[in-house]
C-alpha cells in the first residue's frame, strides 16, 4: 500500500470514505493513464479488508487534477445514491481557499452561465441559452502585495467553475496555467478544498470535515 502513504484518510466507516486528495493526482482514470485516486482507494479497501474480486467505491463529486482537498467516496451503492441526492439538492456543501492575482475589493457573489468545451477541456462564460447556471459566494480573508486570499462557498459544481468565474473578472488564480496567462507553470493552481459538509447517508447525522490551509506557496504568504 505504498501509494496510500501519500493519501490522508480523514474518516472511514462501513458506508463512507473521506480523504484528502493530493494535488496533481487525477480523481479517476484519464487519458494520461497516471495513477488515479479512485483506483488507489479501491486497492486500499481490497487490501485492508482482504476483499476478493472488484471493490465498489462510488464517486460522488470531483476535484480538478491540480486541486487538492477533502473528498467523500461511498462504500455502498445505497450511500452513493443518497449522497448523490444531496449533491443535487445542494445539501453537500463545499468550501475552498483560493489565492487570486489582484486585490479584489469586497466580499460578494458571482453568478454566470458556464459552457464546457470538452474537446479542449476548458470552460467559459456563456449565457442562459447555452450555459449552466453557476454560483459561488466569497469573502476576503486578507491581502499580500497584489494577491487576495478568499474563502469560497461553492453553490454549484461546474467544471473549472471557481477558476473561470474569477479569471473572467480579471482576478485569475495564482498558478492557474489554463486560465491565467501570467501563471508560473512551476506553481500549482492556488485552490484548495478545505471543508466538506453533508448528512450521513444512513444515520442522517450532519458531518463536517475540514483541513488546515496548505503550507505551500502562495498560501504560506498569508
Protein backbone atom coordinates (compact mmCIF):
# COMPACT_ATOMS: atom_id res chain seq x y z
CA UNK A 1 0.00 0.00 0.00
CA UNK A 2 2.90 2.32 -0.75
CA UNK A 3 0.77 4.72 -2.79
CA UNK A 4 -1.60 5.11 0.19
CA UNK A 5 1.20 6.62 2.25
CA UNK A 6 0.56 9.86 0.37
CA UNK A 7 -3.21 9.73 0.98
CA UNK A 8 -4.55 11.21 4.20
CA UNK A 9 -7.56 9.08 5.28
CA UNK A 10 -9.69 11.53 7.28
CA UNK A 11 -12.70 9.32 8.15
CA UNK A 12 -13.94 5.85 7.38
CA UNK A 13 -16.91 3.70 8.36
CA UNK A 14 -18.93 0.95 6.62
CA UNK A 15 -20.59 3.47 4.29
CA UNK A 16 -18.14 6.32 3.72
CA UNK A 17 -14.51 7.05 2.97
CA UNK A 18 -13.37 10.67 3.41
CA UNK A 19 -9.87 11.50 2.23
CA UNK A 20 -7.58 14.38 1.32
CA UNK A 21 -6.94 14.31 -2.42
CA UNK A 22 -3.30 15.15 -3.18
CA UNK A 23 -2.59 17.82 -5.80
CA UNK A 24 -1.78 16.67 -9.35
CA UNK A 25 -3.45 13.28 -8.89
CA UNK A 26 -6.48 12.66 -11.14
CA UNK A 27 -9.67 11.64 -9.31
CA UNK A 28 -10.35 8.86 -11.81
CA UNK A 29 -8.53 7.41 -14.80
CA UNK A 30 -7.95 9.88 -17.61
CA UNK A 31 -6.06 9.99 -20.90
CA UNK A 32 -2.74 10.42 -19.05
CA UNK A 33 -3.13 6.92 -17.57
CA UNK A 34 -1.41 8.24 -14.43
CA UNK A 35 -2.28 6.57 -11.15
CA UNK A 36 -5.67 7.89 -10.03
CA UNK A 37 -7.22 8.39 -6.60
CA UNK A 38 -10.25 6.15 -7.15
CA UNK A 39 -8.06 3.17 -8.12
CA UNK A 40 -5.72 3.81 -5.18
CA UNK A 41 -8.62 3.82 -2.73
CA UNK A 42 -10.21 0.69 -4.20
CA UNK A 43 -6.86 -1.06 -3.77
CA UNK A 44 -6.63 0.24 -0.19
CA UNK A 45 -10.08 -1.26 0.64
CA UNK A 46 -9.24 -4.52 -1.14
CA UNK A 47 -6.03 -4.97 0.85
CA UNK A 48 -7.26 -3.67 4.21
CA UNK A 49 -10.38 -5.86 4.28
CA UNK A 50 -8.99 -8.73 2.19
CA UNK A 51 -11.83 -8.38 -0.32
CA UNK A 52 -11.84 -10.70 -3.36
CA UNK A 53 -12.77 -9.50 -6.85
CA UNK A 54 -13.76 -5.96 -7.75
CA UNK A 55 -14.24 -3.43 -4.94
CA UNK A 56 -17.19 -1.00 -5.10
CA UNK A 57 -16.41 2.66 -4.41
CA UNK A 58 -18.84 5.33 -5.56
CA UNK A 59 -17.53 8.64 -6.96
CA UNK A 60 -19.82 11.41 -5.64
CA UNK A 61 -18.04 14.60 -6.74
CA UNK A 62 -14.78 15.67 -8.34
CA UNK A 63 -11.82 17.97 -7.91
CA UNK A 64 -9.70 19.19 -10.83
CA UNK A 65 -6.42 17.32 -11.15
CA UNK A 66 -4.23 20.23 -9.89
CA UNK A 67 -6.56 20.88 -6.91
CA UNK A 68 -6.22 19.15 -3.55
CA UNK A 69 -8.53 18.85 -0.57
CA UNK A 70 -11.40 16.98 1.10
CA UNK A 71 -13.39 14.41 -0.87
CA UNK A 72 -16.01 11.84 0.12
CA UNK A 73 -16.48 8.46 -1.56
CA UNK A 74 -19.32 5.96 -0.98
CA UNK A 75 -18.55 2.38 0.01
CA UNK A 76 -22.04 1.10 -0.86
CA UNK A 77 -24.46 1.80 -3.71
CA UNK A 78 -27.11 2.95 -1.21
CA UNK A 79 -24.72 5.51 0.28
CA UNK A 80 -23.73 6.64 -3.22
CA UNK A 81 -27.35 7.18 -4.24
CA UNK A 82 -28.19 9.17 -1.10
CA UNK A 83 -25.05 11.30 -1.29
CA UNK A 84 -25.71 11.99 -4.98
CA UNK A 85 -29.20 13.17 -4.00
CA UNK A 86 -27.58 15.60 -1.55
CA UNK A 87 -25.36 16.96 -4.32
CA UNK A 88 -28.44 17.61 -6.50
CA UNK A 89 -30.30 19.18 -3.57
CA UNK A 90 -27.27 21.36 -2.64
CA UNK A 91 -27.06 19.74 0.81
CA UNK A 92 -23.45 18.70 0.26
CA UNK A 93 -21.55 21.93 0.90
CA UNK A 94 -18.01 22.64 -0.30
CA UNK A 95 -15.69 25.44 0.82
CA UNK A 96 -12.37 26.43 -0.74
CA UNK A 97 -9.39 28.67 -0.15
CA UNK A 98 -8.08 30.45 -3.25
CA UNK A 99 -5.32 32.98 -3.87
CA UNK A 100 -6.23 35.47 -6.61
CA UNK A 101 -3.98 37.78 -8.60
CA UNK A 102 -5.06 41.35 -7.87
CA UNK A 103 -6.75 42.95 -4.88
CA UNK A 104 -10.43 42.15 -5.06
CA UNK A 105 -12.22 44.98 -3.28
CA UNK A 106 -15.13 43.41 -1.38
CA UNK A 107 -16.93 40.20 -0.47
CA UNK A 108 -19.54 39.08 -2.96
CA UNK A 109 -21.44 36.56 -5.03
CA UNK A 110 -20.57 35.52 -8.60
CA UNK A 111 -23.31 34.30 -10.94
CA UNK A 112 -22.63 33.15 -14.51
CA UNK A 113 -23.76 30.63 -17.11
CA UNK A 114 -20.77 28.42 -17.91
CA UNK A 115 -20.17 26.40 -21.06
CA UNK A 116 -17.79 23.40 -21.17
CA UNK A 117 -15.69 22.72 -24.27
CA UNK A 118 -14.97 19.01 -23.80
CA UNK A 119 -12.53 18.79 -26.70
CA UNK A 120 -10.27 21.50 -25.28
CA UNK A 121 -11.15 20.71 -21.62
CA UNK A 122 -11.88 24.35 -20.83
CA UNK A 123 -14.95 26.24 -19.64
CA UNK A 124 -16.02 29.78 -20.46
CA UNK A 125 -18.79 32.23 -19.62
CA UNK A 126 -21.82 31.87 -21.91
CA UNK A 127 -25.46 32.83 -21.45
CA UNK A 128 -28.79 31.37 -20.32
CA UNK A 129 -29.30 29.67 -23.66
CA UNK A 130 -26.04 27.71 -23.87
CA UNK A 131 -24.60 27.63 -20.34
CA UNK A 132 -25.30 26.10 -16.94
CA UNK A 133 -26.14 28.36 -14.01
CA UNK A 134 -23.03 28.72 -11.82
CA UNK A 135 -22.98 30.41 -8.40
CA UNK A 136 -20.48 30.96 -5.65
CA UNK A 137 -20.10 33.27 -2.66
CA UNK A 138 -16.78 34.52 -1.34
CA UNK A 139 -15.30 36.57 1.46
CA UNK A 140 -11.87 38.16 1.62
CA UNK A 141 -9.51 36.80 4.28
CA UNK A 142 -6.54 39.05 3.55
CA UNK A 143 -4.06 40.56 1.11
CA UNK A 144 -0.34 40.13 0.42
CA UNK A 145 1.18 42.53 -2.09
CA UNK A 146 -1.02 42.12 -5.19
CA UNK A 147 -2.61 38.84 -4.04
CA UNK A 148 -6.00 38.26 -2.38
CA UNK A 149 -6.79 35.24 -0.20
CA UNK A 150 -10.50 34.36 -0.35
CA UNK A 151 -12.80 31.84 1.31
CA UNK A 152 -15.30 30.43 -1.22
CA UNK A 153 -18.66 28.74 -0.62
CA UNK A 154 -19.42 26.88 -3.83
CA UNK A 155 -23.14 26.81 -4.62
CA UNK A 156 -22.93 24.80 -7.86
CA UNK A 157 -20.27 22.37 -9.01
CA UNK A 158 -19.48 23.18 -12.64
CA UNK A 159 -16.27 22.18 -14.38
CA UNK A 160 -13.44 24.63 -13.51
CA UNK A 161 -16.12 26.92 -12.07
CA UNK A 162 -14.08 28.84 -9.47
CA UNK A 163 -11.15 29.26 -11.83
CA UNK A 164 -13.29 30.58 -14.72
CA UNK A 165 -15.56 32.85 -12.68
CA UNK A 166 -12.69 34.74 -11.05
CA UNK A 167 -10.50 34.82 -14.15
CA UNK A 168 -13.35 36.25 -16.24
CA UNK A 169 -13.46 39.22 -13.84
CA UNK A 170 -9.73 39.92 -14.03
CA UNK A 171 -8.75 38.03 -10.86
CA UNK A 172 -7.27 34.73 -12.09
CA UNK A 173 -5.98 32.20 -9.59
CA UNK A 174 -2.25 32.18 -8.92
CA UNK A 175 -0.56 29.29 -10.73
CA UNK A 176 -3.55 28.51 -12.97
CA UNK A 177 -1.84 27.81 -16.31
CA UNK A 178 -5.19 27.14 -18.00
CA UNK A 179 -6.94 30.43 -17.18
CA UNK A 180 -4.12 32.78 -16.12
CA UNK A 181 -1.78 33.93 -18.90
CA UNK A 182 0.76 35.16 -16.30
CA UNK A 183 0.88 31.88 -14.39
CA UNK A 184 4.21 30.40 -13.37
CA UNK A 185 3.94 26.80 -14.55
CA UNK A 186 6.12 25.66 -11.65
CA UNK A 187 3.38 26.74 -9.21
CA UNK A 188 0.30 24.55 -8.78
CA UNK A 189 -3.06 26.32 -9.00
CA UNK A 190 -3.80 28.13 -5.70
CA UNK A 191 -7.10 26.43 -4.96
CA UNK A 192 -7.77 24.06 -2.04
CA UNK A 193 -10.99 22.34 -0.96
CA UNK A 194 -10.66 22.77 2.80
CA UNK A 195 -14.15 21.90 4.06
CA UNK A 196 -16.91 19.45 3.16
CA UNK A 197 -20.22 19.02 4.98
CA UNK A 198 -23.13 16.66 4.32
CA UNK A 199 -25.57 14.35 6.09
CA UNK A 200 -24.55 10.77 6.78
CA UNK A 201 -26.46 8.64 4.26
CA UNK A 202 -27.59 6.15 6.91
CA UNK A 203 -27.63 7.89 10.33
CA UNK A 204 -28.63 11.32 8.88
CA UNK A 205 -26.14 12.99 11.25
CA UNK A 206 -24.57 16.16 9.86
CA UNK A 207 -20.86 15.60 9.26
CA UNK A 208 -18.27 18.35 8.76
CA UNK A 209 -14.69 17.66 7.71
CA UNK A 210 -12.06 20.38 7.42
CA UNK A 211 -8.35 20.74 6.79
CA UNK A 212 -5.83 23.46 7.58
CA UNK A 213 -4.73 25.78 4.80
CA UNK A 214 -1.79 24.32 2.86
CA UNK A 215 1.70 25.45 3.86
CA UNK A 216 2.86 25.60 0.23
CA UNK A 217 3.24 28.75 -1.90
CA UNK A 218 1.29 31.03 -2.27
CA UNK A 219 -0.91 30.09 0.73
CA UNK A 220 2.12 30.41 3.01
CA UNK A 221 2.25 34.15 2.30
CA UNK A 222 -0.82 34.73 4.47
